Amino acid sequence: MAFPRFLNARLLVGSLIMGTAIHVVASTAIAPVAQALKPCEPPAAGRYLLMVRRDSPDVEVALYEELPESVEVTLCDYQGETVLRLSGFPSQAIAEAWQAYISDRLNRTAYLIEPSNTATPGGSNSYSPQALGDGYAVLVDYFSDLAIARTLRDRMGETPGLVSYGQRPYLLVSHTKKMKPANKLLEELSQDGFAVTVVNSRHAILLRSAIILPQQ
């Protein structure tokens, strides 16, 4: 007998929830896209939310099939773009677990939005994904292993940023207008054993200027 498709995800976050339910209103029907959507609301105090681009109706259908009914999914406008807002996560750990699950299961990038009273590295309390712009970005694939991020931080002397490229998260080492210094850094980091690449920075979305590295 086949298991429900969201069962593995529930198991993934089950140890994190520790018996605490996510108290949000369930969305039971797929809402049509309105001509003028309301701007996305920020997360409630002490709660976290995820945002996923709605570039096709299939994304919405897939999310409704995968997510438990306790998670509220709504359509809204984020900086002129239609996104799906997944709300009600009571902790960063639970939200990040679902963020990873959506990436692995649906091959979609989910952006984590923190409550305004939660500080992030660099002194910023907001989380606003934005395009890097023209130039070249030096990226390191850290395979969701924060040990690689720490090693890179120690190698560079500063905490790397976090970007989305090709719907996958990468560490941002450098953003430059010139190809020569980007290629030089590529060579140096490759020799140090990092999985590094140089890409057109217009295709990369900056998620954080500095990745969050929990204390060991």
C-alpha atoms as a PDB file:
ATOM      1  CA  MET A   1       0.000   0.000   0.000  1.00  0.00           C
ATOM      2  CA  ALA A   2       1.398   3.359  -0.977  1.00  0.00           C
ATOM      3  CA  PHE A   3       1.990   5.933   1.715  1.00  0.00           C
ATOM      4  CA  PRO A   4       0.549   9.469   1.364  1.00  0.00           C
ATOM      5  CA  ARG A   5       3.069  11.596  -0.491  1.00  0.00           C
ATOM      6  CA  PHE A   6       3.461  14.034   2.388  1.00  0.00           C
ATOM      7  CA  LEU A   7       4.150  11.310   4.963  1.00  0.00           C
ATOM      8  CA  ASN A   8       7.942  11.504   4.572  1.00  0.00           C
ATOM      9  CA  ALA A   9       7.816  15.248   5.063  1.00  0.00           C
ATOM     10  CA  ARG A  10       5.818  14.815   8.235  1.00  0.00           C
ATOM     11  CA  LEU A  11       8.387  12.346   9.477  1.00  0.00           C
ATOM     12  CA  LEU A  12      11.111  14.830   8.533  1.00  0.00           C
ATOM     13  CA  VAL A  13       9.735  17.558  10.759  1.00  0.00           C
ATOM     14  CA  GLY A  14       8.117  15.322  13.350  1.00  0.00           C
ATOM     15  CA  SER A  15      11.147  15.305  15.606  1.00  0.00           C
ATOM     16  CA  LEU A  16      11.326  19.088  15.377  1.00  0.00           C
ATOM     17  CA  ILE A  17       7.681  19.780  16.174  1.00  0.00           C
ATOM     18  CA  MET A  18       7.859  17.778  19.441  1.00  0.00           C
ATOM     19  CA  GLY A  19       4.135  17.499  19.774  1.00  0.00           C
ATOM     20  CA  THR A  20       3.384  21.150  19.077  1.00  0.00           C
ATOM     21  CA  ALA A  21       0.782  21.579  16.347  1.00  0.00           C
ATOM     22  CA  ILE A  22       0.982  24.315  13.739  1.00  0.00           C
ATOM     23  CA  HIS A  23      -2.133  26.367  14.530  1.00  0.00           C
ATOM     24  CA  VAL A  24      -3.163  27.909  11.249  1.00  0.00           C
ATOM     25  CA  VAL A  25      -6.296  27.824   9.126  1.00  0.00           C
ATOM     26  CA  ALA A  26      -6.172  25.072   6.505  1.00  0.00           C
ATOM     27  CA  SER A  27      -6.697  25.910   2.844  1.00  0.00           C
ATOM     28  CA  THR A  28      -8.845  23.198   1.297  1.00  0.00           C
ATOM     29  CA  ALA A  29      -9.350  24.528  -2.217  1.00  0.00           C
ATOM     30  CA  ILE A  30      -7.030  25.882  -4.855  1.00  0.00           C
ATOM     31  CA  ALA A  31      -7.865  29.542  -5.325  1.00  0.00           C
ATOM     32  CA  PRO A  32      -7.864  31.053  -8.823  1.00  0.00           C
ATOM     33  CA  VAL A  33      -5.260  33.685  -9.608  1.00  0.00           C
ATOM     34  CA  ALA A  34      -6.859  37.105  -9.350  1.00  0.00           C
ATOM     35  CA  GLN A  35      -5.997  39.898 -11.729  1.00  0.00           C
ATOM     36  CA  ALA A  36      -4.795  42.048  -8.850  1.00  0.00           C
ATOM     37  CA  LEU A  37      -3.426  40.135  -5.887  1.00  0.00           C
ATOM     38  CA  LYS A  38      -2.948  41.651  -2.466  1.00  0.00           C
ATOM     39  CA  PRO A  39       0.634  42.229  -1.323  1.00  0.00           C
ATOM     40  CA  CYS A  40       2.067  39.384   0.739  1.00  0.00           C
ATOM     41  CA  GLU A  41       1.698  39.930   4.461  1.00  0.00           C
ATOM     42  CA  PRO A  42       4.767  39.575   6.686  1.00  0.00           C
ATOM     43  CA  PRO A  43       4.895  36.669   9.139  1.00  0.00           C
ATOM     44  CA  ALA A  44       3.082  37.002  12.438  1.00  0.00           C
ATOM     45  CA  ALA A  45       5.168  37.603  15.533  1.00  0.00           C
ATOM     46  CA  GLY A  46       7.116  34.493  16.446  1.00  0.00           C
ATOM     47  CA  ARG A  47       6.101  32.678  13.251  1.00  0.00           C
ATOM     48  CA  TYR A  48       7.991  31.858  10.056  1.00  0.00           C
ATOM     49  CA  LEU A  49       6.739  31.511   6.523  1.00  0.00           C
ATOM     50  CA  LEU A  50       7.954  30.259   3.155  1.00  0.00           C
ATOM     51  CA  MET A  51       7.390  31.806  -0.267  1.00  0.00           C
ATOM     52  CA  VAL A  52       7.459  29.849  -3.520  1.00  0.00           C
ATOM     53  CA  ARG A  53       7.186  31.369  -7.002  1.00  0.00           C
ATOM     54  CA  ARG A  54       3.954  30.386  -8.750  1.00  0.00           C
ATOM     55  CA  ASP A  55       5.262  30.176 -12.310  1.00  0.00           C
ATOM     56  CA  SER A  56       2.657  27.538 -13.227  1.00  0.00           C
ATOM     57  CA  PRO A  57      -0.545  26.083 -11.732  1.00  0.00           C
ATOM     58  CA  ASP A  58       1.305  22.785 -11.284  1.00  0.00           C
ATOM     59  CA  VAL A  59       3.356  24.338  -8.486  1.00  0.00           C
ATOM     60  CA  GLU A  60       0.230  25.137  -6.516  1.00  0.00           C
ATOM     61  CA  VAL A  61      -1.264  21.698  -7.070  1.00  0.00           C
ATOM     62  CA  ALA A  62       1.954  19.981  -6.014  1.00  0.00           C
ATOM     63  CA  LEU A  63       2.182  21.999  -2.804  1.00  0.00           C
ATOM     64  CA  TYR A  64      -1.398  21.198  -1.829  1.00  0.00           C
ATOM     65  CA  GLU A  65      -0.697  17.510  -2.389  1.00  0.00           C
ATOM     66  CA  GLU A  66       2.561  17.494  -0.417  1.00  0.00           C
ATOM     67  CA  LEU A  67       1.877  19.800   2.524  1.00  0.00           C
ATOM     68  CA  PRO A  68      -0.207  18.828   5.566  1.00  0.00           C
ATOM     69  CA  GLU A  69      -3.598  20.480   5.871  1.00  0.00           C
ATOM     70  CA  SER A  70      -2.412  22.459   8.904  1.00  0.00           C
ATOM     71  CA  VAL A  71      -0.274  24.711   6.709  1.00  0.00           C
ATOM     72  CA  GLU A  72      -2.071  27.645   5.122  1.00  0.00           C
ATOM     73  CA  VAL A  73      -1.229  28.281   1.454  1.00  0.00           C
ATOM     74  CA  THR A  74      -2.297  31.591  -0.076  1.00  0.00           C
ATOM     75  CA  LEU A  75      -1.582  33.481  -3.296  1.00  0.00           C
ATOM     76  CA  CYS A  76      -0.176  36.983  -2.992  1.00  0.00           C
ATOM     77  CA  ASP A  77       1.976  39.552  -4.756  1.00  0.00           C
ATOM     78  CA  TYR A  78       5.621  39.935  -3.745  1.00  0.00           C
ATOM     79  CA  GLN A  79       7.375  42.841  -5.467  1.00  0.00           C
ATOM     80  CA  GLY A  80       5.250  42.388  -8.597  1.00  0.00           C
ATOM     81  CA  GLU A  81       5.588  38.612  -8.692  1.00  0.00           C
ATOM     82  CA  THR A  82       2.894  36.020  -7.907  1.00  0.00           C
ATOM     83  CA  VAL A  83       4.019  33.730  -5.121  1.00  0.00           C
ATOM     84  CA  LEU A  84       2.568  31.072  -2.853  1.00  0.00           C
ATOM     85  CA  ARG A  85       2.774  32.027   0.810  1.00  0.00           C
ATOM     86  CA  LEU A  86       3.116  29.065   3.201  1.00  0.00           C
ATOM     87  CA  SER A  87       2.477  30.324   6.690  1.00  0.00           C
ATOM     88  CA  GLY A  88       2.317  29.330  10.320  1.00  0.00           C
ATOM     89  CA  PHE A  89       5.623  27.581  11.031  1.00  0.00           C
ATOM     90  CA  PRO A  90       6.329  28.065  14.755  1.00  0.00           C
ATOM     91  CA  SER A  91      10.119  27.751  14.563  1.00  0.00           C
ATOM     92  CA  GLN A  92      12.961  28.367  12.160  1.00  0.00           C
ATOM     93  CA  ALA A  93      13.995  24.689  12.353  1.00  0.00           C
ATOM     94  CA  ILE A  94      10.568  23.487  11.191  1.00  0.00           C
ATOM     95  CA  ALA A  95      10.392  26.082   8.409  1.00  0.00           C
ATOM     96  CA  GLU A  96      13.885  25.160   7.209  1.00  0.00           C
ATOM     97  CA  ALA A  97      12.981  21.454   7.234  1.00  0.00           C
ATOM     98  CA  TRP A  98      10.031  22.153   4.932  1.00  0.00           C
ATOM     99  CA  GLN A  99      12.208  24.469   2.842  1.00  0.00           C
ATOM    100  CA  ALA A 100      14.658  21.625   2.245  1.00  0.00           C
ATOM    101  CA  TYR A 101      11.827  19.173   1.574  1.00  0.00           C
ATOM    102  CA  ILE A 102      10.258  21.442  -1.075  1.00  0.00           C
ATOM    103  CA  SER A 103      13.658  21.813  -2.734  1.00  0.00           C
ATOM    104  CA  ASP A 104      14.381  18.077  -2.742  1.00  0.00           C
ATOM    105  CA  ARG A 105      10.868  16.797  -3.475  1.00  0.00           C
ATOM    106  CA  LEU A 106       9.503  19.461  -5.825  1.00  0.00           C
ATOM    107  CA  ASN A 107      12.758  20.931  -7.154  1.00  0.00           C
ATOM    108  CA  ARG A 108      11.546  24.395  -6.164  1.00  0.00           C
ATOM    109  CA  THR A 109      13.225  27.169  -4.220  1.00  0.00           C
ATOM    110  CA  ALA A 110      11.302  28.195  -1.106  1.00  0.00           C
ATOM    111  CA  TYR A 111      12.349  31.499   0.444  1.00  0.00           C
ATOM    112  CA  LEU A 112      12.370  31.612   4.224  1.00  0.00           C
ATOM    113  CA  ILE A 113      10.819  34.781   5.697  1.00  0.00           C
ATOM    114  CA  GLU A 114      11.559  35.493   9.326  1.00  0.00           C
ATOM    115  CA  PRO A 115       9.476  37.470  11.842  1.00  0.00           C
ATOM    116  CA  SER A 116      10.643  41.042  12.205  1.00  0.00           C
ATOM    117  CA  ASN A 117      11.886  40.480  15.754  1.00  0.00           C
ATOM    118  CA  THR A 118      14.367  37.813  14.630  1.00  0.00           C
ATOM    119  CA  ALA A 119      17.834  39.181  13.965  1.00  0.00           C
ATOM    120  CA  THR A 120      19.961  37.927  11.085  1.00  0.00           C
ATOM    121  CA  PRO A 121      23.737  38.180  10.518  1.00  0.00           C
ATOM    122  CA  GLY A 122      24.895  41.604   9.474  1.00  0.00           C
ATOM    123  CA  GLY A 123      22.321  43.405  11.586  1.00  0.00           C
ATOM    124  CA  SER A 124      19.423  43.100   9.143  1.00  0.00           C
ATOM    125  CA  ASN A 125      15.986  42.038  10.398  1.00  0.00           C
ATOM    126  CA  SER A 126      14.439  41.746   6.948  1.00  0.00           C
ATOM    127  CA  TYR A 127      14.702  39.042   4.332  1.00  0.00           C
ATOM    128  CA  SER A 128      14.151  40.366   0.835  1.00  0.00           C
ATOM    129  CA  PRO A 129      15.380  38.208  -2.077  1.00  0.00           C
ATOM    130  CA  GLN A 130      16.734  40.314  -4.918  1.00  0.00           C
ATOM    131  CA  ALA A 131      18.623  39.868  -8.179  1.00  0.00           C
ATOM    132  CA  LEU A 132      22.391  40.319  -7.974  1.00  0.00           C
ATOM    133  CA  GLY A 133      22.505  42.306 -11.199  1.00  0.00           C
ATOM    134  CA  ASP A 134      25.211  42.513 -13.859  1.00  0.00           C
ATOM    135  CA  GLY A 135      28.582  40.858 -13.494  1.00  0.00           C
ATOM    136  CA  TYR A 136      29.927  37.510 -12.371  1.00  0.00           C
ATOM    137  CA  ALA A 137      29.145  35.558  -9.219  1.00  0.00           C
ATOM    138  CA  VAL A 138      31.571  33.086  -7.687  1.00  0.00           C
ATOM    139  CA  LEU A 139      29.478  30.337  -6.108  1.00  0.00           C
ATOM    140  CA  VAL A 140      30.320  27.336  -3.967  1.00  0.00           C
ATOM    141  CA  ASP A 141      28.041  24.322  -3.777  1.00  0.00           C
ATOM    142  CA  TYR A 142      27.907  23.408  -0.103  1.00  0.00           C
ATOM    143  CA  PHE A 143      25.467  20.483  -0.532  1.00  0.00           C
ATOM    144  CA  SER A 144      23.429  21.769   2.450  1.00  0.00           C
ATOM    145  CA  ASP A 145      26.438  20.992   4.674  1.00  0.00           C
ATOM    146  CA  LEU A 146      27.139  23.886   7.027  1.00  0.00           C
ATOM    147  CA  ALA A 147      30.581  22.439   7.766  1.00  0.00           C
ATOM    148  CA  ILE A 148      31.567  23.433   4.218  1.00  0.00           C
ATOM    149  CA  ALA A 149      30.200  26.924   4.846  1.00  0.00           C
ATOM    150  CA  ARG A 150      32.291  27.216   8.003  1.00  0.00           C
ATOM    151  CA  THR A 151      35.400  26.011   6.198  1.00  0.00           C
ATOM    152  CA  LEU A 152      34.799  28.559   3.446  1.00  0.00           C
ATOM    153  CA  ARG A 153      34.270  31.298   6.014  1.00  0.00           C
ATOM    154  CA  ASP A 154      37.581  30.439   7.657  1.00  0.00           C
ATOM    155  CA  ARG A 155      39.301  30.324   4.247  1.00  0.00           C
ATOM    156  CA  MET A 156      37.936  33.715   3.129  1.00  0.00           C
ATOM    157  CA  GLY A 157      37.980  35.472   6.486  1.00  0.00           C
ATOM    158  CA  GLU A 158      34.292  36.425   6.258  1.00  0.00           C
ATOM    159  CA  THR A 159      30.910  34.724   6.231  1.00  0.00           C
ATOM    160  CA  PRO A 160      29.735  33.930   2.680  1.00  0.00           C
ATOM    161  CA  GLY A 161      26.375  35.036   1.376  1.00  0.00           C
ATOM    162  CA  LEU A 162      23.569  32.786   0.194  1.00  0.00           C
ATOM    163  CA  VAL A 163      22.062  32.863  -3.300  1.00  0.00           C
ATOM    164  CA  SER A 164      19.613  30.856  -5.359  1.00  0.00           C
ATOM    165  CA  TYR A 165      20.863  29.764  -8.780  1.00  0.00           C
ATOM    166  CA  GLY A 166      19.042  27.274 -10.977  1.00  0.00           C
ATOM    167  CA  GLN A 167      16.538  26.805  -8.118  1.00  0.00           C
ATOM    168  CA  ARG A 168      19.301  25.585  -5.803  1.00  0.00           C
ATOM    169  CA  PRO A 169      21.046  27.308  -2.888  1.00  0.00           C
ATOM    170  CA  TYR A 170      24.746  28.204  -3.207  1.00  0.00           C
ATOM    171  CA  LEU A 171      27.239  30.090  -1.086  1.00  0.00           C
ATOM    172  CA  LEU A 172      28.150  33.460  -2.581  1.00  0.00           C
ATOM    173  CA  VAL A 173      31.874  34.088  -2.344  1.00  0.00           C
ATOM    174  CA  SER A 174      32.179  37.116  -4.600  1.00  0.00           C
ATOM    175  CA  HIS A 175      30.202  39.325  -6.981  1.00  0.00           C
ATOM    176  CA  THR A 176      32.331  41.292  -9.409  1.00  0.00           C
ATOM    177  CA  LYS A 177      31.923  43.163 -12.672  1.00  0.00           C
ATOM    178  CA  LYS A 178      35.089  41.646 -14.135  1.00  0.00           C
ATOM    179  CA  MET A 179      35.658  38.068 -15.232  1.00  0.00           C
ATOM    180  CA  LYS A 180      39.411  37.921 -14.519  1.00  0.00           C
ATOM    181  CA  PRO A 181      39.236  38.217 -10.703  1.00  0.00           C
ATOM    182  CA  ALA A 182      36.253  35.845 -10.671  1.00  0.00           C
ATOM    183  CA  ASN A 183      38.205  33.203 -12.592  1.00  0.00           C
ATOM    184  CA  LYS A 184      41.247  33.709 -10.360  1.00  0.00           C
ATOM    185  CA  LEU A 185      39.138  33.079  -7.266  1.00  0.00           C
ATOM    186  CA  LEU A 186      37.586  30.074  -9.000  1.00  0.00           C
ATOM    187  CA  GLU A 187      41.031  28.558  -9.547  1.00  0.00           C
ATOM    188  CA  GLU A 188      42.160  29.213  -5.987  1.00  0.00           C
ATOM    189  CA  LEU A 189      39.073  27.731  -4.351  1.00  0.00           C
ATOM    190  CA  SER A 190      39.084  24.747  -6.694  1.00  0.00           C
ATOM    191  CA  GLN A 191      42.640  23.985  -5.608  1.00  0.00           C
ATOM    192  CA  ASP A 192      41.409  24.080  -2.010  1.00  0.00           C
ATOM    193  CA  GLY A 193      38.829  21.397  -2.786  1.00  0.00           C
ATOM    194  CA  PHE A 194      35.651  23.496  -3.003  1.00  0.00           C
ATOM    195  CA  ALA A 195      32.969  22.785  -5.621  1.00  0.00           C
ATOM    196  CA  VAL A 196      33.125  26.262  -7.121  1.00  0.00           C
ATOM    197  CA  THR A 197      31.709  27.819 -10.270  1.00  0.00           C
ATOM    198  CA  VAL A 198      31.439  31.241 -11.915  1.00  0.00           C
ATOM    199  CA  VAL A 199      28.034  32.244 -13.292  1.00  0.00           C
ATOM    200  CA  ASN A 200      26.301  35.217 -14.873  1.00  0.00           C
ATOM    201  CA  SER A 201      25.173  37.061 -11.753  1.00  0.00           C
ATOM    202  CA  ARG A 202      21.991  38.277 -13.454  1.00  0.00           C
ATOM    203  CA  HIS A 203      20.677  34.728 -13.091  1.00  0.00           C
ATOM    204  CA  ALA A 204      21.377  34.532  -9.354  1.00  0.00           C
ATOM    205  CA  ILE A 205      19.028  35.700  -6.597  1.00  0.00           C
ATOM    206  CA  LEU A 206      20.588  37.038  -3.415  1.00  0.00           C
ATOM    207  CA  LEU A 207      18.903  35.494  -0.382  1.00  0.00           C
ATOM    208  CA  ARG A 208      21.247  36.671   2.375  1.00  0.00           C
ATOM    209  CA  SER A 209      24.312  38.849   2.458  1.00  0.00           C
ATOM    210  CA  ALA A 210      25.653  36.427   5.112  1.00  0.00           C
ATOM    211  CA  ILE A 211      24.483  32.866   5.697  1.00  0.00           C
ATOM    212  CA  ILE A 212      23.301  31.930   9.169  1.00  0.00           C
ATOM    213  CA  LEU A 213      25.811  29.602  10.824  1.00  0.00           C
ATOM    214  CA  PRO A 214      24.527  28.173  14.129  1.00  0.00           C
ATOM    215  CA  GLN A 215      27.008  28.085  16.965  1.00  0.00           C
ATOM    216  CA  GLN A 216      28.703  24.732  17.391  1.00  0.00           C
END
